[in-house]
Amino acid sequence: MRTELVTTLKRQATELLSDLQRDREPILITQHGLPSAYLVDVGSYERMQQRMSVLEGIARGEMAVAEGRVVTHAQAKERLSRWLK
């Protein structure tokens, strides 16, 4: 992963964005020697958001199972058939 100073971002934003789109490699922006932000291309960001959404859904499902909030297959079919009408 590439690391750049915030001043580089200020002075060469267009070039950094071009590199980002071409290489699809995140760029870590530092300020006063400390990590401040990541620059990622749009496609990568959208894929990360989709993955997070799926993982959150899985976590909610696992929590529901652990809490006993489950239904049988027949009950689920019945609920879906009423909902889809």
N, C-alpha and C. Protein backbone atom coordinates (compact mmCIF):
# COMPACT_ATOMS: atom_id res chain seq x y z
N MET A 1 0.84 -1.18 0.00
CA MET A 1 0.00 0.00 0.00
C MET A 1 0.88 1.24 0.00
N ARG A 2 0.46 2.18 -0.75
CA ARG A 2 1.20 3.43 -0.90
C ARG A 2 0.80 4.40 0.21
N THR A 3 1.76 5.17 0.68
CA THR A 3 1.51 6.18 1.71
C THR A 3 1.93 7.54 1.17
N GLU A 4 1.09 8.53 1.37
CA GLU A 4 1.38 9.90 0.93
C GLU A 4 1.06 10.87 2.05
N LEU A 5 1.76 12.00 2.02
CA LEU A 5 1.49 13.08 2.96
C LEU A 5 0.24 13.85 2.55
N VAL A 6 -0.42 14.44 3.51
CA VAL A 6 -1.60 15.24 3.20
C VAL A 6 -1.23 16.41 2.29
N THR A 7 -0.02 16.94 2.41
CA THR A 7 0.40 18.03 1.53
C THR A 7 0.52 17.55 0.09
N THR A 8 0.93 16.29 -0.10
CA THR A 8 0.98 15.72 -1.45
C THR A 8 -0.43 15.64 -2.02
N LEU A 9 -1.38 15.25 -1.19
CA LEU A 9 -2.77 15.20 -1.64
C LEU A 9 -3.25 16.59 -2.06
N LYS A 10 -2.91 17.58 -1.29
CA LYS A 10 -3.32 18.94 -1.62
C LYS A 10 -2.72 19.42 -2.93
N ARG A 11 -1.46 19.11 -3.14
CA ARG A 11 -0.74 19.62 -4.31
C ARG A 11 -0.93 18.77 -5.56
N GLN A 12 -1.16 17.47 -5.39
CA GLN A 12 -1.20 16.57 -6.54
C GLN A 12 -2.46 15.70 -6.55
N ALA A 13 -3.57 16.27 -6.17
CA ALA A 13 -4.81 15.49 -6.06
C ALA A 13 -5.19 14.81 -7.37
N THR A 14 -5.10 15.52 -8.47
CA THR A 14 -5.48 14.95 -9.76
C THR A 14 -4.60 13.76 -10.11
N GLU A 15 -3.31 13.88 -9.88
CA GLU A 15 -2.39 12.78 -10.17
C GLU A 15 -2.66 11.59 -9.27
N LEU A 16 -2.89 11.84 -7.98
CA LEU A 16 -3.18 10.75 -7.06
C LEU A 16 -4.46 10.03 -7.45
N LEU A 17 -5.48 10.79 -7.85
CA LEU A 17 -6.74 10.16 -8.26
C LEU A 17 -6.56 9.34 -9.52
N SER A 18 -5.75 9.82 -10.44
CA SER A 18 -5.46 9.05 -11.66
C SER A 18 -4.75 7.75 -11.32
N ASP A 19 -3.76 7.83 -10.43
CA ASP A 19 -3.04 6.63 -9.99
C ASP A 19 -4.00 5.65 -9.31
N LEU A 20 -4.88 6.18 -8.50
CA LEU A 20 -5.84 5.36 -7.78
C LEU A 20 -6.76 4.61 -8.74
N GLN A 21 -7.27 5.30 -9.73
CA GLN A 21 -8.15 4.67 -10.71
C GLN A 21 -7.39 3.63 -11.54
N ARG A 22 -6.16 3.91 -11.88
CA ARG A 22 -5.37 3.00 -12.70
C ARG A 22 -4.94 1.76 -11.91
N ASP A 23 -4.40 1.96 -10.72
CA ASP A 23 -3.80 0.87 -9.95
C ASP A 23 -4.79 0.14 -9.04
N ARG A 24 -5.87 0.81 -8.68
CA ARG A 24 -6.86 0.25 -7.75
C ARG A 24 -6.23 -0.15 -6.42
N GLU A 25 -5.18 0.55 -6.04
CA GLU A 25 -4.49 0.29 -4.77
C GLU A 25 -4.78 1.44 -3.82
N PRO A 26 -5.28 1.15 -2.61
CA PRO A 26 -5.57 2.22 -1.65
C PRO A 26 -4.32 3.05 -1.35
N ILE A 27 -4.55 4.31 -1.03
CA ILE A 27 -3.46 5.20 -0.65
C ILE A 27 -3.74 5.69 0.77
N LEU A 28 -2.78 5.48 1.66
CA LEU A 28 -2.88 5.96 3.03
C LEU A 28 -2.38 7.39 3.08
N ILE A 29 -3.20 8.28 3.59
CA ILE A 29 -2.83 9.69 3.73
C ILE A 29 -2.43 9.92 5.19
N THR A 30 -1.25 10.50 5.38
CA THR A 30 -0.79 10.79 6.74
C THR A 30 -0.75 12.29 6.96
N GLN A 31 -0.96 12.65 8.21
CA GLN A 31 -0.90 14.06 8.62
C GLN A 31 -0.08 14.12 9.90
N HIS A 32 0.97 14.90 9.89
CA HIS A 32 1.89 15.01 11.03
C HIS A 32 2.44 13.62 11.39
N GLY A 33 2.68 12.79 10.38
CA GLY A 33 3.28 11.48 10.59
C GLY A 33 2.32 10.41 11.05
N LEU A 34 1.03 10.74 11.19
CA LEU A 34 0.05 9.77 11.67
C LEU A 34 -0.97 9.46 10.57
N PRO A 35 -1.44 8.22 10.52
CA PRO A 35 -2.47 7.88 9.54
C PRO A 35 -3.70 8.77 9.73
N SER A 36 -4.22 9.30 8.63
CA SER A 36 -5.35 10.22 8.70
C SER A 36 -6.55 9.73 7.90
N ALA A 37 -6.30 9.14 6.73
CA ALA A 37 -7.40 8.70 5.88
C ALA A 37 -6.87 7.74 4.82
N TYR A 38 -7.79 6.99 4.24
CA TYR A 38 -7.47 6.15 3.09
C TYR A 38 -8.20 6.68 1.89
N LEU A 39 -7.54 6.69 0.76
CA LEU A 39 -8.19 6.97 -0.52
C LEU A 39 -8.36 5.63 -1.22
N VAL A 40 -9.59 5.33 -1.63
CA VAL A 40 -9.85 4.10 -2.37
C VAL A 40 -10.69 4.45 -3.59
N ASP A 41 -10.56 3.63 -4.64
CA ASP A 41 -11.36 3.88 -5.83
C ASP A 41 -12.82 3.52 -5.55
N VAL A 42 -13.71 4.06 -6.35
CA VAL A 42 -15.14 3.91 -6.14
C VAL A 42 -15.56 2.44 -6.16
N GLY A 43 -15.07 1.67 -7.11
CA GLY A 43 -15.44 0.26 -7.20
C GLY A 43 -15.07 -0.52 -5.95
N SER A 44 -13.86 -0.29 -5.46
CA SER A 44 -13.41 -0.98 -4.24
C SER A 44 -14.27 -0.57 -3.05
N TYR A 45 -14.57 0.70 -2.95
CA TYR A 45 -15.40 1.18 -1.84
C TYR A 45 -16.78 0.54 -1.88
N GLU A 46 -17.39 0.49 -3.05
CA GLU A 46 -18.72 -0.09 -3.17
C GLU A 46 -18.71 -1.59 -2.85
N ARG A 47 -17.66 -2.31 -3.26
CA ARG A 47 -17.55 -3.73 -2.92
C ARG A 47 -17.40 -3.91 -1.41
N MET A 48 -16.62 -3.04 -0.76
CA MET A 48 -16.47 -3.12 0.69
C MET A 48 -17.81 -2.88 1.39
N GLN A 49 -18.58 -1.92 0.90
CA GLN A 49 -19.88 -1.64 1.49
C GLN A 49 -20.81 -2.84 1.33
N GLN A 50 -20.81 -3.47 0.16
CA GLN A 50 -21.64 -4.65 -0.06
C GLN A 50 -21.23 -5.78 0.87
N ARG A 51 -19.93 -6.00 1.00
CA ARG A 51 -19.45 -7.06 1.89
C ARG A 51 -19.86 -6.79 3.33
N MET A 52 -19.73 -5.54 3.76
CA MET A 52 -20.13 -5.19 5.13
C MET A 52 -21.61 -5.46 5.34
N SER A 53 -22.42 -5.14 4.36
CA SER A 53 -23.85 -5.37 4.46
C SER A 53 -24.15 -6.86 4.61
N VAL A 54 -23.49 -7.69 3.81
CA VAL A 54 -23.68 -9.14 3.91
C VAL A 54 -23.22 -9.64 5.27
N LEU A 55 -22.06 -9.20 5.73
CA LEU A 55 -21.55 -9.64 7.02
C LEU A 55 -22.45 -9.22 8.17
N GLU A 56 -23.01 -8.01 8.09
CA GLU A 56 -23.94 -7.55 9.13
C GLU A 56 -25.20 -8.40 9.13
N GLY A 57 -25.68 -8.78 7.95
CA GLY A 57 -26.85 -9.66 7.86
C GLY A 57 -26.58 -11.02 8.46
N ILE A 58 -25.41 -11.56 8.19
CA ILE A 58 -25.02 -12.85 8.77
C ILE A 58 -24.95 -12.74 10.29
N ALA A 59 -24.37 -11.67 10.78
CA ALA A 59 -24.25 -11.47 12.24
C ALA A 59 -25.64 -11.37 12.88
N ARG A 60 -26.57 -10.65 12.23
CA ARG A 60 -27.93 -10.55 12.76
C ARG A 60 -28.60 -11.92 12.78
N GLY A 61 -28.37 -12.71 11.73
CA GLY A 61 -28.94 -14.05 11.68
C GLY A 61 -28.38 -14.95 12.76
N GLU A 62 -27.08 -14.89 12.96
CA GLU A 62 -26.46 -15.69 14.02
C GLU A 62 -26.97 -15.29 15.39
N MET A 63 -27.19 -13.99 15.59
CA MET A 63 -27.70 -13.51 16.87
C MET A 63 -29.13 -14.00 17.08
N ALA A 64 -29.94 -13.98 16.01
CA ALA A 64 -31.32 -14.46 16.11
C ALA A 64 -31.34 -15.94 16.48
N VAL A 65 -30.47 -16.73 15.86
CA VAL A 65 -30.41 -18.15 16.18
C VAL A 65 -30.00 -18.35 17.63
N ALA A 66 -28.99 -17.62 18.08
CA ALA A 66 -28.52 -17.73 19.46
C ALA A 66 -29.60 -17.36 20.46
N GLU A 67 -30.47 -16.41 20.08
CA GLU A 67 -31.55 -15.96 20.96
C GLU A 67 -32.81 -16.81 20.80
N GLY A 68 -32.77 -17.78 19.91
CA GLY A 68 -33.92 -18.65 19.71
C GLY A 68 -35.02 -18.04 18.86
N ARG A 69 -34.73 -16.97 18.16
CA ARG A 69 -35.74 -16.34 17.30
C ARG A 69 -35.69 -16.99 15.92
N VAL A 70 -36.22 -18.20 15.85
CA VAL A 70 -36.20 -18.97 14.61
C VAL A 70 -37.59 -19.53 14.34
N VAL A 71 -37.85 -19.90 13.09
CA VAL A 71 -39.11 -20.54 12.71
C VAL A 71 -38.78 -21.77 11.86
N THR A 72 -39.73 -22.66 11.75
CA THR A 72 -39.52 -23.84 10.91
C THR A 72 -39.64 -23.43 9.44
N HIS A 73 -39.24 -24.34 8.58
CA HIS A 73 -39.34 -24.10 7.14
C HIS A 73 -40.79 -23.86 6.74
N ALA A 74 -41.69 -24.68 7.27
CA ALA A 74 -43.12 -24.53 6.95
C ALA A 74 -43.65 -23.17 7.42
N GLN A 75 -43.26 -22.74 8.60
CA GLN A 75 -43.69 -21.43 9.11
C GLN A 75 -43.15 -20.31 8.23
N ALA A 76 -41.91 -20.43 7.80
CA ALA A 76 -41.32 -19.41 6.95
C ALA A 76 -42.06 -19.34 5.61
N LYS A 77 -42.37 -20.50 5.03
CA LYS A 77 -43.12 -20.52 3.76
C LYS A 77 -44.48 -19.87 3.92
N GLU A 78 -45.15 -20.16 5.02
CA GLU A 78 -46.47 -19.57 5.28
C GLU A 78 -46.37 -18.05 5.40
N ARG A 79 -45.41 -17.57 6.15
CA ARG A 79 -45.25 -16.12 6.31
C ARG A 79 -44.93 -15.45 4.98
N LEU A 80 -44.05 -16.07 4.20
CA LEU A 80 -43.69 -15.50 2.90
C LEU A 80 -44.87 -15.51 1.95
N SER A 81 -45.64 -16.56 1.95
CA SER A 81 -46.80 -16.61 1.03
C SER A 81 -47.80 -15.52 1.38
N ARG A 82 -48.01 -15.26 2.67
CA ARG A 82 -48.91 -14.16 3.07
C ARG A 82 -48.32 -12.81 2.70
N TRP A 83 -47.02 -12.67 2.87
CA TRP A 83 -46.35 -11.41 2.58
C TRP A 83 -46.33 -11.11 1.09
N LEU A 84 -46.21 -12.15 0.27
CA LEU A 84 -46.11 -11.94 -1.18
C LEU A 84 -47.46 -11.72 -1.86
N LYS A 85 -48.55 -11.92 -1.15
CA LYS A 85 -49.88 -11.71 -1.76
C LYS A 85 -50.18 -10.27 -1.98
